[in-house]
Amino acid sequence: MKAELVLKNAGIINVFTEAVEYADVAVCNGRIVGIGEYEGELELDCTGKYVAPGFMDGHIHLESSMLKPVEFVKAVLPHGTTAVITDPHEITNVCGLEGMEYMLKASEGLPLDVYFTVPSCVPATSFDESGCVLRAADIESIYQEKRILGLAEVMDYVGVIHKNEDLLQKIAFARSRDKIVDGHAPGLKEKEACAYVLAGIGSDHECVNLEEAMEKLRLGQWIMIREGTAAKNLEALMGLFQPPYHHRAMLVSDDKNPNELIDYGHLDDTMHQAVKRGADPCIAIKMVTWNTASYFGLKDLGAVAPGYKADLVILSDLYDMKVEKVIKNGVLVVDCGKVADMKEPEMDPDVVKHVQHSFHCRATTPEDFTINDEAGEGVNSFLAIQFIPDEIVTKALQMPLQDKKPQVSVKDDLLKIAAIERHHNTNHIGLGFVKGYGLQKGAIASSVSHDSHNIIVIGTNDSDMSAAVNCIREMQGGWAIASEGKILASIPLPVAGLMSNLEAADLADRINEIKELARMLGVKEGIDPFMTMAFVSLPVIPELRIITTGLFDVNQQKLVSIYVK
């Protein structure tokens, strides 16, 4: 009998031989049934083109796209992405298990497979103030959902090493069900790295240099090479594209804003950047298909071979990785950039109401941002957070006091930063200073601040910081820029303070506009005005952070004084 669909004369990316092989691809009932010479009821001529497995992002926080799942699919499907593995710890930190329920329902039945890992650290550490706390007993029942593949990135690596009982219980339960356990351990090495891997943690996406990646590879971990909006590690880890290392490496995005998804692409752009730097395109494709499927145990995904799901990408070349068509479950869903119609899944109104009313904090005043503590005897310097371009790690920097006080100095690029608790109306506001952001005027604020997603703001003066924060509160989440007491631009993110109700293209335009304004106000190249700021409150990435109760030293895992003797 004829196949339902045949891709004729295709240059097939064979992920097993890591070579291009020429043949027809026959598809029936959403599966690949043969490679060779076939006839089909429908035939697509692929002469001069290449057929690859659908691309898979093995580590992403879908909420960080700032798009609801249906709009996220519209944004990435034209770029060849047919599956993602998302860790919903952003919305779960805000809304608890109802947030995860929202993501499961909102991604159901879409023409892109959305798999999940269960958030392991809600909050990231015991020092953080999140909307909810999830313990081991709270998450065990979630594994009954068939799209749950494992335990999400274990960020509290200090807790693992020092045998935090609840955290080890989460890991043990996932392993007892033969589920994967993802890692997050920036800079961990030697005996501490051994202890972390011994706990059963199989991957890491935080490597910023080849030496770190090689050590973790030698200990048996899979390495996820991250190329997102704020953290870009591809160039530093190009050595992993060589054998034998590429067999245990994946390309992932982690966090990517919608304007970049629309303007540049998703995994297709990452592969293009890798090929430009000398990577074999077949190996690059293998690192977003077969390797990802193998690590997560998705046995019928990731290859163009008999028995595999017909999730296929037709490419015009292997350098630009330009996607012409996308086939999902044997059905053409993207043709020359045009996406087939799709409907947003129906949602429980109570769940929607819960995630869209997540702010519980008072309005601020300029006085809330005044540092009243005085320097003690013999103190002549204070700590500031040093940003590093294209990285989310920071450095602790000592700055001299001015008139015995820490003060903003726009000419020295020294600005004030604050983290405002917004879940439980505690009135907690952590204050500090940052260097390397570049803002010359006004203040920039956001409710996207990993992972507890309190309000974060950086400014040149207290009045504009207060105005920007109050705008965020009134919108029930979003981004805002204030100057001279006025809001110059804002983007509402009413879904848990993380996601927009806008369509992907419209949101991308709004983001480009507000980022352009941030650049005009001085924010430096290499620093994403909002994404870089979003990570400065995450107390599991070295070196110095700001949380709602003050400055936090990640290496020492403790709050520290702004003053230094």
Protein backbone atom coordinates (compact mmCIF):
# COMPACT_ATOMS: atom_id res chain seq x y z
CA MET A 1 0.00 0.00 0.00
CA LYS A 2 1.06 3.59 -0.48
CA ALA A 3 2.25 5.52 2.53
CA GLU A 4 0.11 8.44 3.69
CA LEU A 5 3.04 10.84 3.28
CA VAL A 6 6.41 10.47 1.59
CA LEU A 7 9.24 12.97 1.70
CA LYS A 8 10.96 12.28 -1.62
CA ASN A 9 14.69 12.48 -2.33
CA ALA A 10 15.52 13.84 1.12
CA GLY A 11 18.95 14.46 2.60
CA ILE A 12 18.26 12.67 5.89
CA ILE A 13 20.19 13.67 9.00
CA ASN A 14 21.07 10.28 10.46
CA VAL A 15 21.74 10.85 14.16
CA PHE A 16 23.16 7.32 14.52
CA THR A 17 25.86 7.67 11.85
CA GLU A 18 26.16 11.47 12.19
CA ALA A 19 26.00 11.77 8.40
CA VAL A 20 23.62 12.83 5.62
CA GLU A 21 22.00 9.92 3.79
CA TYR A 22 19.75 10.27 0.74
CA ALA A 23 16.44 8.42 0.51
CA ASP A 24 12.66 8.79 0.81
CA VAL A 25 10.97 8.98 4.21
CA ALA A 26 7.61 7.17 4.42
CA VAL A 27 5.04 8.12 7.08
CA CYS A 28 1.80 6.42 8.21
CA ASN A 29 -0.39 7.04 11.25
CA GLY A 30 1.99 9.66 12.60
CA ARG A 31 4.99 7.30 12.53
CA ILE A 32 7.97 6.84 10.25
CA VAL A 33 7.47 3.45 8.59
CA GLY A 34 10.32 3.28 6.13
CA ILE A 35 13.52 4.77 4.75
CA GLY A 36 14.29 3.92 1.13
CA GLU A 37 12.22 4.23 -2.05
CA TYR A 38 8.48 4.74 -1.48
CA GLU A 39 5.29 6.10 -3.02
CA GLY A 40 2.76 8.12 -1.05
CA GLU A 41 -0.78 9.41 -1.22
CA LEU A 42 0.87 12.78 -0.57
CA GLU A 43 4.43 13.37 -1.68
CA LEU A 44 6.68 16.32 -0.85
CA ASP A 45 9.73 16.79 -3.06
CA CYS A 46 12.74 17.33 -0.81
CA THR A 47 15.39 17.39 -3.52
CA GLY A 48 18.24 19.58 -2.33
CA LYS A 49 16.74 19.81 1.14
CA TYR A 50 17.43 18.10 4.45
CA VAL A 51 15.11 16.23 6.80
CA ALA A 52 15.95 16.24 10.51
CA PRO A 53 14.13 15.03 13.61
CA GLY A 54 12.05 17.70 15.35
CA PHE A 55 14.19 19.84 17.64
CA MET A 56 13.87 19.40 21.41
CA ASP A 57 14.80 21.94 24.10
CA GLY A 58 15.88 19.88 27.09
CA HIS A 59 15.88 22.73 29.62
CA ILE A 60 13.61 25.72 29.47
CA HIS A 61 11.38 27.66 31.82
CA LEU A 62 8.44 28.26 29.55
CA GLU A 63 7.19 31.13 31.73
CA SER A 64 10.44 32.99 31.01
CA SER A 65 9.31 33.40 27.41
CA MET A 66 6.66 35.66 29.01
CA LEU A 67 4.15 33.97 26.70
CA LYS A 68 1.21 31.77 27.53
CA PRO A 69 1.87 28.22 26.24
CA VAL A 70 -0.25 28.58 23.08
CA GLU A 71 1.64 31.74 22.10
CA PHE A 72 4.97 30.11 22.93
CA VAL A 73 4.14 27.29 20.53
CA LYS A 74 3.31 29.80 17.78
CA ALA A 75 6.70 31.43 18.37
CA VAL A 76 8.96 28.35 18.34
CA LEU A 77 7.18 25.88 16.04
CA PRO A 78 8.25 27.79 12.88
CA HIS A 79 11.84 27.36 14.07
CA GLY A 80 11.58 23.57 14.10
CA THR A 81 11.01 23.01 17.82
CA THR A 82 8.52 20.16 18.28
CA ALA A 83 9.15 19.32 21.96
CA VAL A 84 10.36 21.07 25.11
CA ILE A 85 11.07 19.90 28.62
CA THR A 86 10.04 22.72 30.92
CA ASP A 87 10.65 23.29 34.60
CA PRO A 88 7.67 25.38 35.82
CA HIS A 89 9.40 26.52 38.98
CA GLU A 90 8.77 30.17 38.11
CA ILE A 91 4.99 30.01 38.35
CA THR A 92 5.16 27.37 41.08
CA ASN A 93 7.21 29.69 43.28
CA VAL A 94 4.43 32.25 42.88
CA CYS A 95 1.26 30.10 42.91
CA GLY A 96 2.26 26.67 44.19
CA LEU A 97 0.78 23.52 42.69
CA GLU A 98 -2.07 25.54 41.17
CA GLY A 99 0.55 27.24 39.06
CA MET A 100 1.81 23.89 37.81
CA GLU A 101 -1.77 22.80 37.15
CA TYR A 102 -2.23 25.93 35.06
CA MET A 103 0.84 25.11 32.94
CA LEU A 104 -0.20 21.48 32.44
CA LYS A 105 -3.69 22.44 31.29
CA ALA A 106 -2.57 25.42 29.20
CA SER A 107 -0.10 23.26 27.23
CA GLU A 108 -2.37 20.27 26.66
CA GLY A 109 -3.22 19.20 23.10
CA LEU A 110 -1.00 21.76 21.35
CA PRO A 111 1.05 20.81 18.24
CA LEU A 112 4.22 20.76 20.33
CA ASP A 113 4.99 18.24 23.05
CA VAL A 114 5.40 20.02 26.38
CA TYR A 115 6.98 17.71 28.94
CA PHE A 116 7.60 18.74 32.54
CA THR A 117 10.02 18.22 35.37
CA VAL A 118 8.80 18.71 38.94
CA PRO A 119 10.25 21.81 40.64
CA SER A 120 12.75 20.69 43.26
CA CYS A 121 13.45 23.97 45.00
CA VAL A 122 10.38 26.04 45.86
CA PRO A 123 11.82 28.31 47.14
CA ALA A 124 15.38 28.07 45.76
CA THR A 125 16.77 28.25 49.33
CA SER A 126 15.32 28.68 52.79
CA PHE A 127 16.50 32.32 52.74
CA ASP A 128 14.17 33.19 49.86
CA GLU A 129 10.62 34.52 50.27
CA SER A 130 8.44 32.85 47.65
CA GLY A 131 4.69 32.61 47.28
CA CYS A 132 4.67 28.93 48.28
CA VAL A 133 6.82 26.20 49.80
CA LEU A 134 6.76 22.70 48.30
CA ARG A 135 8.11 19.82 50.35
CA ALA A 136 8.76 16.24 49.26
CA ALA A 137 5.34 15.07 50.45
CA ASP A 138 3.65 17.78 48.38
CA ILE A 139 5.04 16.68 45.02
CA GLU A 140 5.06 12.88 45.10
CA SER A 141 1.55 12.53 43.62
CA ILE A 142 2.44 14.76 40.64
CA TYR A 143 4.48 11.96 39.03
CA GLN A 144 1.23 10.23 38.05
CA GLU A 145 0.91 12.77 35.21
CA LYS A 146 2.34 11.06 32.10
CA ARG A 147 4.14 14.18 30.87
CA ILE A 148 6.30 14.40 34.03
CA LEU A 149 9.80 13.16 33.18
CA GLY A 150 11.70 13.78 36.39
CA LEU A 151 12.83 16.17 39.10
CA ALA A 152 13.80 19.65 37.92
CA GLU A 153 17.16 21.31 38.46
CA VAL A 154 18.34 20.84 42.03
CA MET A 155 19.57 24.38 42.64
CA ASP A 156 20.23 24.03 46.35
CA TYR A 157 23.50 22.20 45.83
CA VAL A 158 24.62 23.26 49.31
CA GLY A 159 21.55 21.51 50.71
CA VAL A 160 22.43 18.35 48.79
CA ILE A 161 26.03 18.30 50.00
CA HIS A 162 24.99 18.92 53.60
CA LYS A 163 22.26 16.27 53.45
CA ASN A 164 19.07 18.33 53.60
CA GLU A 165 16.63 15.54 54.41
CA ASP A 166 13.63 16.87 52.51
CA LEU A 167 15.68 17.61 49.39
CA LEU A 168 17.30 14.17 49.39
CA GLN A 169 13.83 12.66 49.77
CA LYS A 170 12.70 14.44 46.60
CA ILE A 171 15.70 13.06 44.73
CA ALA A 172 15.23 9.55 46.09
CA PHE A 173 11.56 9.48 45.14
CA ALA A 174 12.29 10.51 41.54
CA ARG A 175 15.02 7.89 41.22
CA SER A 176 12.79 5.18 42.68
CA ARG A 177 10.45 5.80 39.75
CA ASP A 178 13.31 5.71 37.20
CA LYS A 179 12.94 9.41 36.55
CA ILE A 180 15.83 11.74 35.72
CA VAL A 181 17.10 14.35 38.16
CA ASP A 182 18.42 17.57 36.61
CA GLY A 183 21.23 19.58 38.17
CA HIS A 184 22.28 23.17 38.74
CA ALA A 185 25.67 23.54 40.39
CA PRO A 186 27.72 26.47 39.09
CA GLY A 187 31.42 26.20 39.93
CA LEU A 188 31.06 23.01 41.98
CA LYS A 189 34.16 20.81 41.77
CA GLU A 190 36.27 18.08 43.34
CA LYS A 191 34.81 16.31 46.38
CA GLU A 192 31.74 18.54 46.57
CA ALA A 193 30.96 17.78 42.91
CA CYS A 194 31.38 14.07 43.65
CA ALA A 195 28.90 14.30 46.53
CA TYR A 196 26.40 16.14 44.33
CA VAL A 197 26.62 13.53 41.55
CA LEU A 198 26.51 10.71 44.09
CA ALA A 199 23.06 11.93 45.14
CA GLY A 200 21.82 10.91 41.69
CA ILE A 201 21.87 14.19 39.78
CA GLY A 202 22.44 13.53 36.10
CA SER A 203 22.96 16.84 34.31
CA ASP A 204 24.20 20.41 34.57
CA HIS A 205 23.41 23.52 32.54
CA GLU A 206 25.51 26.05 34.49
CA CYS A 207 28.98 25.41 33.04
CA VAL A 208 30.61 28.66 31.92
CA ASN A 209 33.95 27.23 30.76
CA LEU A 210 35.28 24.05 29.20
CA GLU A 211 37.28 23.02 32.28
CA GLU A 212 34.16 22.95 34.43
CA ALA A 213 32.19 21.05 31.79
CA MET A 214 34.93 18.45 31.36
CA GLU A 215 35.12 17.78 35.09
CA LYS A 216 31.37 17.21 35.27
CA LEU A 217 31.47 15.02 32.17
CA ARG A 218 34.19 12.89 33.74
CA LEU A 219 31.98 12.44 36.81
CA GLY A 220 29.20 11.08 34.58
CA GLN A 221 26.90 14.05 34.11
CA TRP A 222 25.29 15.15 30.87
CA ILE A 223 26.14 18.74 29.94
CA MET A 224 23.46 21.12 28.72
CA ILE A 225 25.09 23.91 26.71
CA ARG A 226 22.99 26.98 27.45
CA GLU A 227 22.45 29.82 25.00
CA GLY A 228 19.64 32.03 26.22
CA THR A 229 18.87 35.72 26.55
CA ALA A 230 21.02 36.50 29.61
CA ALA A 231 23.40 33.53 29.83
CA LYS A 232 25.34 32.66 26.68
CA ASN A 233 27.74 29.75 27.17
CA LEU A 234 27.94 28.33 23.63
CA GLU A 235 31.21 29.96 22.60
CA ALA A 236 33.00 28.89 25.79
CA LEU A 237 31.82 25.28 25.39
CA MET A 238 32.46 24.70 21.68
CA GLY A 239 34.99 22.01 22.62
CA LEU A 240 32.06 19.75 23.55
CA PHE A 241 31.09 19.41 19.87
CA GLN A 242 34.04 17.05 19.42
CA PRO A 243 33.94 13.27 19.99
CA PRO A 244 33.53 11.67 22.43
CA TYR A 245 32.10 14.62 24.40
CA HIS A 246 29.22 15.44 22.08
CA HIS A 247 27.56 12.10 22.85
CA ARG A 248 26.61 13.44 26.31
CA ALA A 249 25.86 17.06 25.48
CA MET A 250 22.66 18.95 24.62
CA LEU A 251 21.83 22.45 23.41
CA VAL A 252 19.26 24.26 25.57
CA SER A 253 17.95 27.79 26.02
CA ASP A 254 16.95 27.92 29.73
CA ASP A 255 15.43 31.43 29.52
CA LYS A 256 14.68 33.28 26.28
CA ASN A 257 12.62 36.41 25.72
CA PRO A 258 9.94 36.40 22.99
CA ASN A 259 11.53 39.17 20.95
CA GLU A 260 14.62 36.98 20.49
CA LEU A 261 12.46 33.96 19.65
CA ILE A 262 10.64 35.98 16.99
CA ASP A 263 13.62 37.95 15.64
CA TYR A 264 16.39 35.33 15.78
CA GLY A 265 14.92 31.94 16.48
CA HIS A 266 15.17 29.18 19.03
CA LEU A 267 17.37 26.08 18.81
CA ASP A 268 17.78 26.65 15.07
CA ASP A 269 19.64 29.88 15.82
CA THR A 270 21.82 28.20 18.45
CA MET A 271 22.79 25.50 15.95
CA HIS A 272 23.52 28.14 13.31
CA GLN A 273 25.82 29.93 15.78
CA ALA A 274 27.56 26.63 16.53
CA VAL A 275 28.06 25.78 12.84
CA LYS A 276 29.47 29.29 12.26
CA ARG A 277 32.04 28.45 14.94
CA GLY A 278 33.03 25.23 13.22
CA ALA A 279 30.62 22.58 14.55
CA ASP A 280 29.55 19.69 12.33
CA PRO A 281 25.86 20.41 11.54
CA CYS A 282 24.89 16.74 11.93
CA ILE A 283 26.39 16.72 15.42
CA ALA A 284 24.67 19.99 16.30
CA ILE A 285 21.32 18.51 15.22
CA LYS A 286 22.03 15.35 17.19
CA MET A 287 22.53 17.53 20.29
CA VAL A 288 18.96 18.87 20.04
CA THR A 289 17.31 15.59 19.04
CA TRP A 290 18.69 12.14 19.80
CA ASN A 291 20.82 13.20 22.78
CA THR A 292 17.89 15.02 24.40
CA ALA A 293 15.50 12.14 23.81
CA SER A 294 18.06 9.64 25.14
CA TYR A 295 18.72 11.54 28.35
CA PHE A 296 15.02 11.96 29.14
CA GLY A 297 14.05 8.42 28.13
CA LEU A 298 11.78 9.47 25.23
CA LYS A 299 12.30 6.29 23.24
CA ASP A 300 10.28 7.16 20.14
CA LEU A 301 11.62 10.67 19.56
CA GLY A 302 14.82 12.16 18.22
CA ALA A 303 15.59 10.21 15.02
CA VAL A 304 14.50 9.79 11.41
CA ALA A 305 14.12 6.02 11.45
CA PRO A 306 11.36 3.37 11.31
CA GLY A 307 9.16 3.33 14.42
CA TYR A 308 9.91 6.89 15.51
CA LYS A 309 7.24 9.57 15.72
CA ALA A 310 7.00 11.58 12.52
CA ASP A 311 8.13 14.85 14.11
CA LEU A 312 10.24 16.18 11.27
CA VAL A 313 11.89 19.41 10.16
CA ILE A 314 12.66 20.20 6.52
CA LEU A 315 15.69 22.49 6.18
CA SER A 316 16.88 24.36 3.12
CA ASP A 317 20.53 24.20 4.23
CA LEU A 318 22.72 23.05 7.11
CA TYR A 319 24.54 26.33 7.71
CA ASP A 320 21.81 28.88 8.37
CA MET A 321 19.54 26.04 9.61
CA LYS A 322 16.65 27.73 7.81
CA VAL A 323 13.42 25.86 8.54
CA GLU A 324 11.04 25.53 5.57
CA LYS A 325 8.47 23.05 6.86
CA VAL A 326 7.63 21.34 10.13
CA ILE A 327 5.71 18.07 10.41
CA LYS A 328 4.21 17.04 13.77
CA ASN A 329 2.81 13.53 14.20
CA GLY A 330 2.82 13.16 10.41
CA VAL A 331 0.86 16.37 9.80
CA LEU A 332 2.25 19.51 8.16
CA VAL A 333 1.95 22.25 10.81
CA VAL A 334 4.36 24.88 9.46
CA ASP A 335 4.85 25.78 5.80
CA CYS A 336 7.31 28.58 4.95
CA GLY A 337 6.86 30.19 8.34
CA LYS A 338 3.06 30.01 8.37
CA VAL A 339 1.71 28.10 11.37
CA ALA A 340 -1.47 26.04 11.16
CA ASP A 341 -4.39 27.32 13.22
CA MET A 342 -4.49 26.22 16.85
CA LYS A 343 -6.84 26.90 19.74
CA GLU A 344 -5.93 27.76 23.29
CA PRO A 345 -6.93 24.90 25.64
CA GLU A 346 -9.97 25.51 27.83
CA MET A 347 -9.01 26.48 31.37
CA ASP A 348 -10.62 26.22 34.81
CA PRO A 349 -11.80 29.80 35.60
CA ASP A 350 -10.81 29.42 39.27
CA VAL A 351 -7.25 28.46 38.35
CA VAL A 352 -7.02 31.38 35.93
CA LYS A 353 -8.30 33.76 38.60
CA HIS A 354 -5.73 32.46 41.09
CA VAL A 355 -2.74 32.97 38.80
CA GLN A 356 -3.92 36.42 37.68
CA HIS A 357 -4.21 37.87 41.20
CA SER A 358 -0.83 37.14 42.75
CA PHE A 359 0.26 40.48 44.27
CA HIS A 360 -0.14 41.02 48.00
CA CYS A 361 1.94 44.04 48.98
CA ARG A 362 1.44 47.71 49.76
CA ALA A 363 2.44 50.67 47.61
CA THR A 364 5.95 51.96 48.26
CA THR A 365 7.24 55.46 49.00
CA PRO A 366 10.66 56.95 48.15
CA GLU A 367 11.61 56.65 51.82
CA ASP A 368 11.37 52.86 51.53
CA PHE A 369 14.52 52.93 49.44
CA THR A 370 16.63 54.97 51.83
CA ILE A 371 19.51 53.15 53.53
CA ASN A 372 19.35 54.29 57.15
CA ASP A 373 22.01 52.04 58.67
CA GLU A 374 25.17 53.95 59.51
CA ALA A 375 28.67 52.67 58.94
CA GLY A 376 30.39 51.51 62.11
CA GLU A 377 33.71 52.66 63.49
CA GLY A 378 36.57 51.90 61.13
CA VAL A 379 34.35 51.13 58.17
CA ASN A 380 35.39 52.86 54.95
CA SER A 381 33.91 50.68 52.19
CA PHE A 382 30.74 48.83 51.22
CA LEU A 383 29.77 45.86 49.07
CA ALA A 384 28.27 46.23 45.60
CA ILE A 385 27.12 43.60 43.10
CA GLN A 386 29.27 43.61 39.96
CA PHE A 387 27.45 42.55 36.77
CA ILE A 388 29.39 40.58 34.14
CA PRO A 389 28.37 40.99 30.46
CA ASP A 390 26.57 37.98 28.92
CA GLU A 391 26.67 36.10 32.23
CA ILE A 392 24.32 35.69 35.18
CA VAL A 393 27.09 35.10 37.72
CA THR A 394 28.14 38.22 39.62
CA LYS A 395 31.14 39.37 41.64
CA ALA A 396 31.31 41.02 45.06
CA LEU A 397 32.93 44.42 44.72
CA GLN A 398 34.17 46.73 47.46
CA MET A 399 33.47 50.43 46.91
CA PRO A 400 34.63 53.42 49.02
CA LEU A 401 32.08 55.27 51.17
CA GLN A 402 31.21 58.86 50.25
CA ASP A 403 30.61 61.11 53.28
CA LYS A 404 30.56 57.94 55.38
CA LYS A 405 27.60 56.57 53.39
CA PRO A 406 27.09 54.28 50.40
CA GLN A 407 25.73 56.48 47.64
CA VAL A 408 24.61 56.29 44.05
CA SER A 409 27.17 57.61 41.57
CA VAL A 410 25.82 57.68 38.02
CA LYS A 411 29.18 58.77 36.59
CA ASP A 412 30.83 55.74 38.21
CA ASP A 413 27.97 53.46 37.09
CA LEU A 414 27.08 52.70 40.71
CA LEU A 415 23.32 52.37 41.17
CA LYS A 416 20.88 51.36 43.88
CA ILE A 417 19.01 48.06 43.75
CA ALA A 418 16.07 46.76 45.79
CA ALA A 419 14.09 43.52 46.12
CA ILE A 420 10.51 44.00 47.37
CA GLU A 421 8.55 41.06 48.82
CA ARG A 422 5.18 40.82 47.07
CA HIS A 423 3.55 37.54 48.12
CA HIS A 424 2.67 37.86 51.82
CA ASN A 425 2.66 41.60 52.53
CA THR A 426 5.68 41.33 54.85
CA ASN A 427 6.95 44.84 53.94
CA HIS A 428 10.42 43.35 53.49
CA ILE A 429 12.67 45.36 51.18
CA GLY A 430 16.29 44.36 50.63
CA LEU A 431 18.59 47.21 49.57
CA GLY A 432 21.99 47.27 47.94
CA PHE A 433 24.10 48.62 45.07
CA VAL A 434 25.08 47.35 41.63
CA LYS A 435 27.87 48.25 39.23
CA GLY A 436 28.02 47.51 35.51
CA TYR A 437 24.36 48.09 34.59
CA GLY A 438 24.89 51.46 32.93
CA LEU A 439 21.60 53.25 33.62
CA GLN A 440 22.09 57.03 33.55
CA LYS A 441 18.62 58.24 34.43
CA GLY A 442 15.43 56.98 36.14
CA ALA A 443 14.66 53.43 37.30
CA ILE A 444 13.81 50.06 35.79
CA ALA A 445 11.64 47.50 37.62
CA SER A 446 10.28 44.01 36.97
CA SER A 447 8.22 41.31 38.68
CA VAL A 448 10.31 38.69 36.89
CA SER A 449 13.07 38.01 39.42
CA HIS A 450 14.19 34.43 39.72
CA ASP A 451 13.04 32.31 41.31
CA SER A 452 10.70 33.71 43.93
CA HIS A 453 9.63 36.55 41.62
CA ASN A 454 9.43 39.38 44.05
CA ILE A 455 9.73 42.87 42.56
CA ILE A 456 13.24 43.91 41.56
CA VAL A 457 14.26 47.49 40.74
CA ILE A 458 17.47 49.29 39.79
CA GLY A 459 17.57 53.07 39.81
CA THR A 460 19.45 56.31 39.98
CA ASN A 461 17.13 57.80 42.62
CA ASP A 462 14.59 56.69 45.23
CA SER A 463 11.57 58.53 43.77
CA ASP A 464 11.77 56.86 40.36
CA MET A 465 12.43 53.48 41.99
CA SER A 466 9.22 53.86 44.01
CA ALA A 467 7.22 54.95 40.95
CA ALA A 468 8.40 51.99 38.86
CA VAL A 469 7.66 49.49 41.66
CA ASN A 470 4.14 50.88 42.21
CA CYS A 471 3.43 50.60 38.49
CA ILE A 472 4.35 46.89 38.65
CA ARG A 473 2.01 46.41 41.61
CA GLU A 474 -0.89 48.16 39.90
CA MET A 475 -0.49 46.06 36.74
CA GLN A 476 -0.41 42.81 38.77
CA GLY A 477 3.03 42.22 37.34
CA GLY A 478 5.20 43.33 34.45
CA TRP A 479 8.05 45.59 33.42
CA ALA A 480 8.25 49.35 33.97
CA ILE A 481 10.62 52.25 33.33
CA ALA A 482 10.21 55.50 35.27
CA SER A 483 11.98 58.82 35.04
CA GLU A 484 11.31 62.14 36.80
CA GLY A 485 8.30 60.60 38.52
CA LYS A 486 6.62 59.48 35.30
CA ILE A 487 6.20 56.02 33.79
CA LEU A 488 7.90 56.16 30.38
CA ALA A 489 7.01 52.60 29.34
CA SER A 490 5.48 49.45 30.77
CA ILE A 491 4.43 45.93 29.80
CA PRO A 492 1.76 44.16 31.88
CA LEU A 493 2.44 40.52 32.80
CA PRO A 494 -0.77 39.63 34.63
CA VAL A 495 -0.37 35.81 34.60
CA ALA A 496 1.44 35.28 37.93
CA GLY A 497 3.44 38.45 37.24
CA LEU A 498 5.34 36.40 34.64
CA MET A 499 3.34 36.04 31.43
CA SER A 500 1.45 38.28 29.04
CA ASN A 501 -1.98 37.90 27.45
CA LEU A 502 -0.59 39.35 24.21
CA GLU A 503 0.16 37.42 21.05
CA ALA A 504 3.82 36.57 20.53
CA ALA A 505 4.52 39.09 17.76
CA ASP A 506 2.80 41.95 19.63
CA LEU A 507 4.67 41.20 22.84
CA ALA A 508 7.95 40.96 20.93
CA ASP A 509 7.36 44.44 19.49
CA ARG A 510 6.59 45.85 22.94
CA ILE A 511 9.73 44.26 24.36
CA ASN A 512 11.94 45.62 21.59
CA GLU A 513 10.54 49.10 22.25
CA ILE A 514 11.04 49.03 26.02
CA LYS A 515 14.55 47.57 25.68
CA GLU A 516 15.46 50.26 23.16
CA LEU A 517 14.29 52.85 25.70
CA ALA A 518 16.44 51.19 28.38
CA ARG A 519 19.45 51.42 26.05
CA MET A 520 18.70 55.11 25.42
CA LEU A 521 18.75 55.61 29.19
CA GLY A 522 22.22 54.06 29.31
CA VAL A 523 21.91 50.30 29.96
CA LYS A 524 25.08 48.73 28.56
CA GLU A 525 25.48 46.30 25.67
CA GLY A 526 26.08 42.79 26.97
CA ILE A 527 23.62 43.48 29.77
CA ASP A 528 20.02 42.55 29.01
CA PRO A 529 18.05 45.34 30.73
CA PHE A 530 15.49 42.96 32.21
CA MET A 531 16.81 39.40 32.02
CA THR A 532 20.14 40.21 33.67
CA MET A 533 18.26 42.06 36.42
CA ALA A 534 15.91 39.09 36.81
CA PHE A 535 18.74 36.83 37.98
CA VAL A 536 20.35 39.20 40.48
CA SER A 537 17.99 37.99 43.22
CA LEU A 538 18.57 34.26 42.70
CA PRO A 539 20.52 33.07 45.77
CA VAL A 540 21.97 29.92 44.18
CA ILE A 541 24.25 31.52 41.58
CA PRO A 542 27.56 32.98 42.80
CA GLU A 543 28.70 35.37 44.02
CA LEU A 544 26.65 38.18 45.57
CA ARG A 545 22.85 38.60 45.31
CA ILE A 546 20.08 40.83 46.61
CA ILE A 547 17.04 39.22 48.23
CA THR A 548 14.09 40.72 50.10
CA THR A 549 15.98 40.68 53.41
CA GLY A 550 19.28 42.11 52.17
CA LEU A 551 22.59 41.20 50.55
CA PHE A 552 23.20 37.46 50.24
CA ASP A 553 26.61 35.79 49.88
CA VAL A 554 25.97 32.64 47.84
CA ASN A 555 29.32 31.00 48.59
CA GLN A 556 28.82 31.42 52.34
CA GLN A 557 25.03 30.89 52.10
CA LYS A 558 24.25 33.73 54.47
CA LEU A 559 23.06 37.32 54.63
CA VAL A 560 25.90 39.82 54.85
CA SER A 561 26.18 43.47 55.83
CA ILE A 562 26.53 46.05 53.11
CA TYR A 563 29.46 47.52 55.08
CA VAL A 564 32.96 46.06 54.98
CA LYS A 565 35.63 46.65 57.60
